[in-house]
C-alpha cells in the first residue's frame, strides 16, 4: 500500500512540475523538466531493484545493497527537497 501511495503522489508532483514548466517556458522546458525527473522517479518507483544493485558505479565498487527505504527517501529528497532549496536560494 505504501508503494502505491508513493507512486501516486510522486506522479502527481511530476505532472505538476511538467505542467508548470510547460506553462512558463513551453514544450522545450517541459521536456527538460521531464528528463530531470527521471532519476528521482525511478528511485521512488523502483527502490528495491536500485537498492539491490552491487557492482561498479562511476569507478567506485559497491559491495553491499542499500535499503529500499533509503533509496525512496533519496528520490523524494531530490523530487521535493531540491526545488524547495532552489526556491529559497534564488
PDB file of N, CA and C in Angstrom:
ATOM      1  N   UNK A   1       0.819  -1.194   0.000  1.00  0.00           N
ATOM      2  CA  UNK A   1       0.000   0.000   0.000  1.00  0.00           C
ATOM      3  C   UNK A   1       0.862   1.256   0.000  1.00  0.00           C
ATOM      4  N   UNK A   2       1.957   1.220   0.766  1.00  0.00           N
ATOM      5  CA  UNK A   2       2.832   2.391   0.817  1.00  0.00           C
ATOM      6  C   UNK A   2       3.466   2.668  -0.539  1.00  0.00           C
ATOM      7  N   UNK A   3       3.775   1.607  -1.283  1.00  0.00           N
ATOM      8  CA  UNK A   3       4.350   1.782  -2.609  1.00  0.00           C
ATOM      9  C   UNK A   3       3.351   2.459  -3.539  1.00  0.00           C
ATOM     10  N   UNK A   4       2.091   2.091  -3.447  1.00  0.00           N
ATOM     11  CA  UNK A   4       1.062   2.693  -4.278  1.00  0.00           C
ATOM     12  C   UNK A   4       0.893   4.176  -3.941  1.00  0.00           C
ATOM     13  N   UNK A   5       0.925   4.514  -2.668  1.00  0.00           N
ATOM     14  CA  UNK A   5       0.812   5.919  -2.255  1.00  0.00           C
ATOM     15  C   UNK A   5       2.021   6.702  -2.732  1.00  0.00           C
ATOM     16  N   UNK A   6       3.225   6.147  -2.555  1.00  0.00           N
ATOM     17  CA  UNK A   6       4.438   6.823  -3.030  1.00  0.00           C
ATOM     18  C   UNK A   6       4.384   7.057  -4.539  1.00  0.00           C
ATOM     19  N   UNK A   7       3.965   6.056  -5.272  1.00  0.00           N
ATOM     20  CA  UNK A   7       3.908   6.191  -6.728  1.00  0.00           C
ATOM     21  C   UNK A   7       2.871   7.224  -7.149  1.00  0.00           C
ATOM     22  N   UNK A   8       1.713   7.200  -6.529  1.00  0.00           N
ATOM     23  CA  UNK A   8       0.658   8.151  -6.877  1.00  0.00           C
ATOM     24  C   UNK A   8       1.046   9.582  -6.570  1.00  0.00           C
ATOM     25  N   UNK A   9       1.590   9.808  -5.375  1.00  0.00           N
ATOM     26  CA  UNK A   9       1.996  11.169  -5.005  1.00  0.00           C
ATOM     27  C   UNK A   9       3.150  11.670  -5.862  1.00  0.00           C
ATOM     28  N   UNK A  10       4.110  10.801  -6.145  1.00  0.00           N
ATOM     29  CA  UNK A  10       5.238  11.232  -6.968  1.00  0.00           C
ATOM     30  C   UNK A  10       4.798  11.524  -8.397  1.00  0.00           C
ATOM     31  N   UNK A  11       3.852  10.745  -8.918  1.00  0.00           N
ATOM     32  CA  UNK A  11       3.333  11.019 -10.251  1.00  0.00           C
ATOM     33  C   UNK A  11       2.590  12.352 -10.279  1.00  0.00           C
ATOM     34  N   UNK A  12       1.835  12.641  -9.239  1.00  0.00           N
ATOM     35  CA  UNK A  12       1.129  13.921  -9.146  1.00  0.00           C
ATOM     36  C   UNK A  12       2.114  15.086  -9.112  1.00  0.00           C
ATOM     37  N   UNK A  13       3.156  14.976  -8.300  1.00  0.00           N
ATOM     38  CA  UNK A  13       4.174  16.023  -8.220  1.00  0.00           C
ATOM     39  C   UNK A  13       4.870  16.189  -9.565  1.00  0.00           C
ATOM     40  N   UNK A  14       5.169  15.090 -10.222  1.00  0.00           N
ATOM     41  CA  UNK A  14       5.829  15.123 -11.526  1.00  0.00           C
ATOM     42  C   UNK A  14       4.950  15.826 -12.564  1.00  0.00           C
ATOM     43  N   UNK A  15       3.671  15.517 -12.581  1.00  0.00           N
ATOM     44  CA  UNK A  15       2.748  16.154 -13.523  1.00  0.00           C
ATOM     45  C   UNK A  15       2.651  17.652 -13.258  1.00  0.00           C
ATOM     46  N   UNK A  16       2.635  18.040 -11.984  1.00  0.00           N
ATOM     47  CA  UNK A  16       2.593  19.468 -11.650  1.00  0.00           C
ATOM     48  C   UNK A  16       3.862  20.157 -12.138  1.00  0.00           C
ATOM     49  N   UNK A  17       5.030  19.581 -11.894  1.00  0.00           N
ATOM     50  CA  UNK A  17       6.290  20.180 -12.347  1.00  0.00           C
ATOM     51  C   UNK A  17       6.322  20.334 -13.862  1.00  0.00           C
ATOM     52  N   UNK A  18       5.916  19.309 -14.580  1.00  0.00           N
ATOM     53  CA  UNK A  18       5.935  19.367 -16.043  1.00  0.00           C
ATOM     54  C   UNK A  18       4.928  20.399 -16.545  1.00  0.00           C
ATOM     55  N   UNK A  19       3.759  20.459 -15.928  1.00  0.00           N
ATOM     56  CA  UNK A  19       2.745  21.439 -16.332  1.00  0.00           C
ATOM     57  C   UNK A  19       3.223  22.858 -16.107  1.00  0.00           C
ATOM     58  N   UNK A  20       3.853  23.099 -14.976  1.00  0.00           N
ATOM     59  CA  UNK A  20       4.375  24.439 -14.700  1.00  0.00           C
ATOM     60  C   UNK A  20       5.495  24.780 -15.674  1.00  0.00           C
ATOM     61  N   UNK A  21       6.372  23.838 -15.944  1.00  0.00           N
ATOM     62  CA  UNK A  21       7.439  24.061 -16.914  1.00  0.00           C
ATOM     63  C   UNK A  21       6.895  24.389 -18.293  1.00  0.00           C
ATOM     64  N   UNK A  22       5.828  23.696 -18.699  1.00  0.00           N
ATOM     65  CA  UNK A  22       5.231  23.950 -19.999  1.00  0.00           C
ATOM     66  C   UNK A  22       4.554  25.320 -20.037  1.00  0.00           C
ATOM     67  N   UNK A  23       3.823  25.655 -18.974  1.00  0.00           N
ATOM     68  CA  UNK A  23       3.095  26.922 -18.980  1.00  0.00           C
ATOM     69  C   UNK A  23       4.028  28.125 -18.876  1.00  0.00           C
ATOM     70  N   UNK A  24       5.185  27.961 -18.259  1.00  0.00           N
ATOM     71  CA  UNK A  24       6.111  29.078 -18.095  1.00  0.00           C
ATOM     72  C   UNK A  24       6.973  29.279 -19.333  1.00  0.00           C
ATOM     73  N   UNK A  25       7.555  28.196 -19.883  1.00  0.00           N
ATOM     74  CA  UNK A  25       8.515  28.370 -20.971  1.00  0.00           C
ATOM     75  C   UNK A  25       8.276  27.463 -22.171  1.00  0.00           C
ATOM     76  N   UNK A  26       7.179  26.763 -22.241  1.00  0.00           N
ATOM     77  CA  UNK A  26       6.865  25.987 -23.428  1.00  0.00           C
ATOM     78  C   UNK A  26       7.337  24.543 -23.370  1.00  0.00           C
ATOM     79  N   UNK A  27       7.230  23.894 -24.534  1.00  0.00           N
ATOM     80  CA  UNK A  27       7.467  22.456 -24.583  1.00  0.00           C
ATOM     81  C   UNK A  27       8.930  22.077 -24.379  1.00  0.00           C
ATOM     82  N   UNK A  28       9.857  22.938 -24.770  1.00  0.00           N
ATOM     83  CA  UNK A  28      11.275  22.628 -24.557  1.00  0.00           C
ATOM     84  C   UNK A  28      11.603  22.523 -23.080  1.00  0.00           C
ATOM     85  N   UNK A  29      11.068  23.433 -22.290  1.00  0.00           N
ATOM     86  CA  UNK A  29      11.304  23.400 -20.844  1.00  0.00           C
ATOM     87  C   UNK A  29      10.610  22.212 -20.204  1.00  0.00           C
ATOM     88  N   UNK A  30       9.401  21.885 -20.684  1.00  0.00           N
ATOM     89  CA  UNK A  30       8.678  20.737 -20.141  1.00  0.00           C
ATOM     90  C   UNK A  30       9.455  19.450 -20.387  1.00  0.00           C
ATOM     91  N   UNK A  31      10.071  19.335 -21.556  1.00  0.00           N
ATOM     92  CA  UNK A  31      10.890  18.150 -21.849  1.00  0.00           C
ATOM     93  C   UNK A  31      12.113  18.097 -20.933  1.00  0.00           C
ATOM     94  N   UNK A  32      12.733  19.243 -20.702  1.00  0.00           N
ATOM     95  CA  UNK A  32      13.884  19.294 -19.794  1.00  0.00           C
ATOM     96  C   UNK A  32      13.499  18.918 -18.370  1.00  0.00           C
ATOM     97  N   UNK A  33      12.342  19.367 -17.921  1.00  0.00           N
ATOM     98  CA  UNK A  33      11.856  19.012 -16.587  1.00  0.00           C
ATOM     99  C   UNK A  33      11.597  17.513 -16.512  1.00  0.00           C
ATOM    100  N   UNK A  34      10.981  16.967 -17.558  1.00  0.00           N
ATOM    101  CA  UNK A  34      10.708  15.533 -17.595  1.00  0.00           C
ATOM    102  C   UNK A  34      11.992  14.713 -17.495  1.00  0.00           C
ATOM    103  N   UNK A  35      12.990  15.097 -18.253  1.00  0.00           N
ATOM    104  CA  UNK A  35      14.267  14.375 -18.223  1.00  0.00           C
ATOM    105  C   UNK A  35      14.914  14.487 -16.850  1.00  0.00           C
ATOM    106  N   UNK A  36      14.821  15.663 -16.230  1.00  0.00           N
ATOM    107  CA  UNK A  36      15.380  15.849 -14.897  1.00  0.00           C
ATOM    108  C   UNK A  36      14.666  15.051 -13.822  1.00  0.00           C
ATOM    109  N   UNK A  37      13.427  14.700 -14.064  1.00  0.00           N
ATOM    110  CA  UNK A  37      12.649  13.948 -13.077  1.00  0.00           C
ATOM    111  C   UNK A  37      12.768  12.437 -13.217  1.00  0.00           C
ATOM    112  N   UNK A  38      13.427  11.959 -14.255  1.00  0.00           N
ATOM    113  CA  UNK A  38      13.526  10.508 -14.461  1.00  0.00           C
ATOM    114  C   UNK A  38      14.245   9.795 -13.321  1.00  0.00           C
ATOM    115  N   UNK A  39      15.375  10.322 -12.861  1.00  0.00           N
ATOM    116  CA  UNK A  39      16.125   9.644 -11.800  1.00  0.00           C
ATOM    117  C   UNK A  39      15.370   9.615 -10.466  1.00  0.00           C
ATOM    118  N   UNK A  40      14.851  10.762  -9.964  1.00  0.00           N
ATOM    119  CA  UNK A  40      14.122  10.649  -8.694  1.00  0.00           C
ATOM    120  C   UNK A  40      12.860   9.797  -8.798  1.00  0.00           C
ATOM    121  N   UNK A  41      12.193   9.830  -9.951  1.00  0.00           N
ATOM    122  CA  UNK A  41      11.011   8.981 -10.112  1.00  0.00           C
ATOM    123  C   UNK A  41      11.396   7.505 -10.110  1.00  0.00           C
ATOM    124  N   UNK A  42      12.520   7.181 -10.728  1.00  0.00           N
ATOM    125  CA  UNK A  42      12.983   5.785 -10.718  1.00  0.00           C
ATOM    126  C   UNK A  42      13.316   5.347  -9.296  1.00  0.00           C
ATOM    127  N   UNK A  43      13.923   6.237  -8.517  1.00  0.00           N
ATOM    128  CA  UNK A  43      14.248   5.895  -7.121  1.00  0.00           C
ATOM    129  C   UNK A  43      12.990   5.657  -6.299  1.00  0.00           C
ATOM    130  N   UNK A  44      11.935   6.418  -6.557  1.00  0.00           N
ATOM    131  CA  UNK A  44      10.691   6.267  -5.806  1.00  0.00           C
ATOM    132  C   UNK A  44       9.903   5.055  -6.288  1.00  0.00           C
ATOM    133  N   UNK A  45       9.855   4.834  -7.590  1.00  0.00           N
ATOM    134  CA  UNK A  45       9.038   3.757  -8.143  1.00  0.00           C
ATOM    135  C   UNK A  45       9.700   2.392  -8.022  1.00  0.00           C
ATOM    136  N   UNK A  46      11.016   2.338  -8.104  1.00  0.00           N
ATOM    137  CA  UNK A  46      11.725   1.047  -8.089  1.00  0.00           C
ATOM    138  C   UNK A  46      12.857   1.043  -7.060  1.00  0.00           C
ATOM    139  N   UNK A  47      12.562   1.245  -5.772  1.00  0.00           N
ATOM    140  CA  UNK A  47      13.643   1.324  -4.785  1.00  0.00           C
ATOM    141  C   UNK A  47      14.329  -0.019  -4.524  1.00  0.00           C
ATOM    142  N   UNK A  48      13.586  -1.126  -4.604  1.00  0.00           N
ATOM    143  CA  UNK A  48      14.193  -2.426  -4.321  1.00  0.00           C
ATOM    144  C   UNK A  48      15.244  -2.807  -5.361  1.00  0.00           C
ATOM    145  N   UNK A  49      14.926  -2.774  -6.662  1.00  0.00           N
ATOM    146  CA  UNK A  49      15.960  -3.148  -7.642  1.00  0.00           C
ATOM    147  C   UNK A  49      17.150  -2.192  -7.637  1.00  0.00           C
ATOM    148  N   UNK A  50      16.889  -0.905  -7.452  1.00  0.00           N
ATOM    149  CA  UNK A  50      18.001   0.047  -7.425  1.00  0.00           C
ATOM    150  C   UNK A  50      18.839  -0.121  -6.161  1.00  0.00           C
ATOM    151  N   UNK A  51      18.196  -0.435  -5.056  1.00  0.00           N
ATOM    152  CA  UNK A  51      18.922  -0.632  -3.808  1.00  0.00           C
ATOM    153  C   UNK A  51      19.702  -1.928  -3.767  1.00  0.00           C
ATOM    154  N   UNK A  52      19.243  -2.920  -4.490  1.00  0.00           N
ATOM    155  CA  UNK A  52      19.920  -4.220  -4.502  1.00  0.00           C
ATOM    156  C   UNK A  52      21.114  -4.270  -5.441  1.00  0.00           C
ATOM    157  N   UNK A  53      21.331  -3.209  -6.202  1.00  0.00           N
ATOM    158  CA  UNK A  53      22.438  -3.212  -7.153  1.00  0.00           C
ATOM    159  C   UNK A  53      23.777  -3.220  -6.420  1.00  0.00           C
ATOM    160  N   UNK A  54      24.626  -4.124  -6.798  1.00  0.00           N
ATOM    161  CA  UNK A  54      26.015  -4.123  -6.344  1.00  0.00           C
ATOM    162  C   UNK A  54      26.881  -4.249  -7.585  1.00  0.00           C
ATOM    163  N   UNK A  55      27.939  -3.521  -7.602  1.00  0.00           N
ATOM    164  CA  UNK A  55      28.823  -3.528  -8.765  1.00  0.00           C
ATOM    165  C   UNK A  55      29.617  -2.237  -8.804  1.00  0.00           C
ATOM    166  N   UNK A  56      29.966  -1.812 -10.002  1.00  0.00           N
ATOM    167  CA  UNK A  56      30.784  -0.615 -10.157  1.00  0.00           C
ATOM    168  C   UNK A  56      29.905   0.525 -10.659  1.00  0.00           C
ATOM    169  N   UNK A  57      29.921   1.620  -9.929  1.00  0.00           N
ATOM    170  CA  UNK A  57      29.213   2.838 -10.308  1.00  0.00           C
ATOM    171  C   UNK A  57      30.232   3.963 -10.360  1.00  0.00           C
ATOM    172  N   UNK A  58      30.431   4.531 -11.550  1.00  0.00           N
ATOM    173  CA  UNK A  58      31.359   5.642 -11.757  1.00  0.00           C
ATOM    174  C   UNK A  58      32.736   5.347 -11.163  1.00  0.00           C
ATOM    175  N   UNK A  59      33.205   4.139 -11.346  1.00  0.00           N
ATOM    176  CA  UNK A  59      34.533   3.753 -10.903  1.00  0.00           C
ATOM    177  C   UNK A  59      34.627   3.331  -9.451  1.00  0.00           C
ATOM    178  N   UNK A  60      33.527   3.396  -8.712  1.00  0.00           N
ATOM    179  CA  UNK A  60      33.515   3.001  -7.307  1.00  0.00           C
ATOM    180  C   UNK A  60      32.807   1.655  -7.161  1.00  0.00           C
ATOM    181  N   UNK A  61      33.369   0.784  -6.345  1.00  0.00           N
ATOM    182  CA  UNK A  61      32.800  -0.530  -6.131  1.00  0.00           C
ATOM    183  C   UNK A  61      31.774  -0.476  -5.005  1.00  0.00           C
ATOM    184  N   UNK A  62      30.552  -0.924  -5.286  1.00  0.00           N
ATOM    185  CA  UNK A  62      29.509  -1.040  -4.261  1.00  0.00           C
ATOM    186  C   UNK A  62      29.404  -2.509  -3.895  1.00  0.00           C
ATOM    187  N   UNK A  63      29.688  -2.833  -2.644  1.00  0.00           N
ATOM    188  CA  UNK A  63      29.720  -4.229  -2.229  1.00  0.00           C
ATOM    189  C   UNK A  63      28.501  -4.658  -1.429  1.00  0.00           C
ATOM    190  N   UNK A  64      27.692  -3.709  -0.966  1.00  0.00           N
ATOM    191  CA  UNK A  64      26.513  -4.087  -0.188  1.00  0.00           C
ATOM    192  C   UNK A  64      25.300  -3.307  -0.699  1.00  0.00           C
ATOM    193  N   UNK A  65      24.112  -3.919  -0.600  1.00  0.00           N
ATOM    194  CA  UNK A  65      22.902  -3.236  -1.084  1.00  0.00           C
ATOM    195  C   UNK A  65      22.484  -2.103  -0.158  1.00  0.00           C
ATOM    196  N   UNK A  66      21.730  -1.184  -0.700  1.00  0.00           N
ATOM    197  CA  UNK A  66      21.176  -0.060   0.055  1.00  0.00           C
ATOM    198  C   UNK A  66      19.724  -0.396   0.389  1.00  0.00           C
ATOM    199  N   UNK A  67      19.280  -0.128   1.621  1.00  0.00           N
ATOM    200  CA  UNK A  67      17.877  -0.395   1.957  1.00  0.00           C
ATOM    201  C   UNK A  67      16.926   0.397   1.053  1.00  0.00           C
ATOM    202  N   UNK A  68      15.844  -0.246   0.660  1.00  0.00           N
ATOM    203  CA  UNK A  68      14.895   0.369  -0.267  1.00  0.00           C
ATOM    204  C   UNK A  68      14.305   1.661   0.288  1.00  0.00           C
ATOM    205  N   UNK A  69      14.107   1.725   1.591  1.00  0.00           N
ATOM    206  CA  UNK A  69      13.530   2.937   2.180  1.00  0.00           C
ATOM    207  C   UNK A  69      14.475   4.127   2.015  1.00  0.00           C
ATOM    208  N   UNK A  70      15.778   3.900   2.057  1.00  0.00           N
ATOM    209  CA  UNK A  70      16.728   4.991   1.853  1.00  0.00           C
ATOM    210  C   UNK A  70      16.768   5.430   0.394  1.00  0.00           C
ATOM    211  N   UNK A  71      16.636   4.496  -0.520  1.00  0.00           N
ATOM    212  CA  UNK A  71      16.595   4.839  -1.942  1.00  0.00           C
ATOM    213  C   UNK A  71      15.355   5.679  -2.233  1.00  0.00           C
ATOM    214  N   UNK A  72      14.225   5.264  -1.687  1.00  0.00           N
ATOM    215  CA  UNK A  72      12.978   6.003  -1.876  1.00  0.00           C
ATOM    216  C   UNK A  72      13.059   7.388  -1.221  1.00  0.00           C
ATOM    217  N   UNK A  73      13.616   7.457  -0.028  1.00  0.00           N
ATOM    218  CA  UNK A  73      13.757   8.753   0.649  1.00  0.00           C
ATOM    219  C   UNK A  73      14.679   9.679  -0.136  1.00  0.00           C
ATOM    220  N   UNK A  74      15.737   9.129  -0.715  1.00  0.00           N
ATOM    221  CA  UNK A  74      16.615   9.939  -1.552  1.00  0.00           C
ATOM    222  C   UNK A  74      15.890  10.465  -2.778  1.00  0.00           C
ATOM    223  N   UNK A  75      15.039   9.639  -3.375  1.00  0.00           N
ATOM    224  CA  UNK A  75      14.240  10.091  -4.512  1.00  0.00           C
ATOM    225  C   UNK A  75      13.297  11.216  -4.136  1.00  0.00           C
ATOM    226  N   UNK A  76      12.667  11.105  -2.967  1.00  0.00           N
ATOM    227  CA  UNK A  76      11.780  12.174  -2.502  1.00  0.00           C
ATOM    228  C   UNK A  76      12.563  13.448  -2.193  1.00  0.00           C
ATOM    229  N   UNK A  77      13.751  13.285  -1.634  1.00  0.00           N
ATOM    230  CA  UNK A  77      14.573  14.456  -1.341  1.00  0.00           C
ATOM    231  C   UNK A  77      14.919  15.198  -2.627  1.00  0.00           C
ATOM    232  N   UNK A  78      15.271  14.467  -3.669  1.00  0.00           N
ATOM    233  CA  UNK A  78      15.592  15.103  -4.938  1.00  0.00           C
ATOM    234  C   UNK A  78      14.332  15.690  -5.580  1.00  0.00           C
ATOM    235  N   UNK A  79      13.229  14.964  -5.521  1.00  0.00           N
ATOM    236  CA  UNK A  79      11.998  15.395  -6.175  1.00  0.00           C
ATOM    237  C   UNK A  79      11.390  16.630  -5.524  1.00  0.00           C
ATOM    238  N   UNK A  80      11.379  16.683  -4.200  1.00  0.00           N
ATOM    239  CA  UNK A  80      10.714  17.780  -3.495  1.00  0.00           C
ATOM    240  C   UNK A  80      11.702  18.721  -2.825  1.00  0.00           C
ATOM    241  N   UNK A  81      12.750  18.175  -2.237  1.00  0.00           N
ATOM    242  CA  UNK A  81      13.680  18.999  -1.465  1.00  0.00           C
ATOM    243  C   UNK A  81      14.512  19.941  -2.306  1.00  0.00           C
ATOM    244  N   UNK A  82      15.021  19.476  -3.433  1.00  0.00           N
ATOM    245  CA  UNK A  82      15.878  20.320  -4.273  1.00  0.00           C
ATOM    246  C   UNK A  82      15.123  21.532  -4.811  1.00  0.00           C
ATOM    247  N   UNK A  83      13.893  21.387  -5.337  1.00  0.00           N
ATOM    248  CA  UNK A  83      13.181  22.595  -5.779  1.00  0.00           C
ATOM    249  C   UNK A  83      12.879  23.584  -4.652  1.00  0.00           C
ATOM    250  N   UNK A  84      12.607  23.074  -3.459  1.00  0.00           N
ATOM    251  CA  UNK A  84      12.349  23.977  -2.337  1.00  0.00           C
ATOM    252  C   UNK A  84      13.607  24.746  -1.964  1.00  0.00           C
ATOM    253  N   UNK A  85      14.719  24.048  -1.885  1.00  0.00           N
ATOM    254  CA  UNK A  85      16.002  24.711  -1.584  1.00  0.00           C
ATOM    255  C   UNK A  85      16.357  25.706  -2.674  1.00  0.00           C
ATOM    256  N   UNK A  86      16.143  25.332  -3.931  1.00  0.00           N
ATOM    257  CA  UNK A  86      16.411  26.228  -5.052  1.00  0.00           C
ATOM    258  C   UNK A  86      15.547  27.471  -4.978  1.00  0.00           C
ATOM    259  N   UNK A  87      14.288  27.334  -4.582  1.00  0.00           N
ATOM    260  CA  UNK A  87      13.395  28.473  -4.450  1.00  0.00           C
ATOM    261  C   UNK A  87      13.898  29.457  -3.409  1.00  0.00           C
ATOM    262  N   UNK A  88      14.357  28.956  -2.271  1.00  0.00           N
ATOM    263  CA  UNK A  88      14.821  29.849  -1.210  1.00  0.00           C
ATOM    264  C   UNK A  88      16.191  30.451  -1.494  1.00  0.00           C
ATOM    265  N   UNK A  89      17.003  29.776  -2.303  1.00  0.00           N
ATOM    266  CA  UNK A  89      18.318  30.330  -2.644  1.00  0.00           C
ATOM    267  C   UNK A  89      18.172  31.481  -3.635  1.00  0.00           C
ATOM    268  N   UNK A  90      17.263  31.345  -4.579  1.00  0.00           N
ATOM    269  CA  UNK A  90      17.087  32.398  -5.575  1.00  0.00           C
ATOM    270  C   UNK A  90      16.255  33.460  -5.011  1.00  0.00           C
TER     271      UNK A  90
END
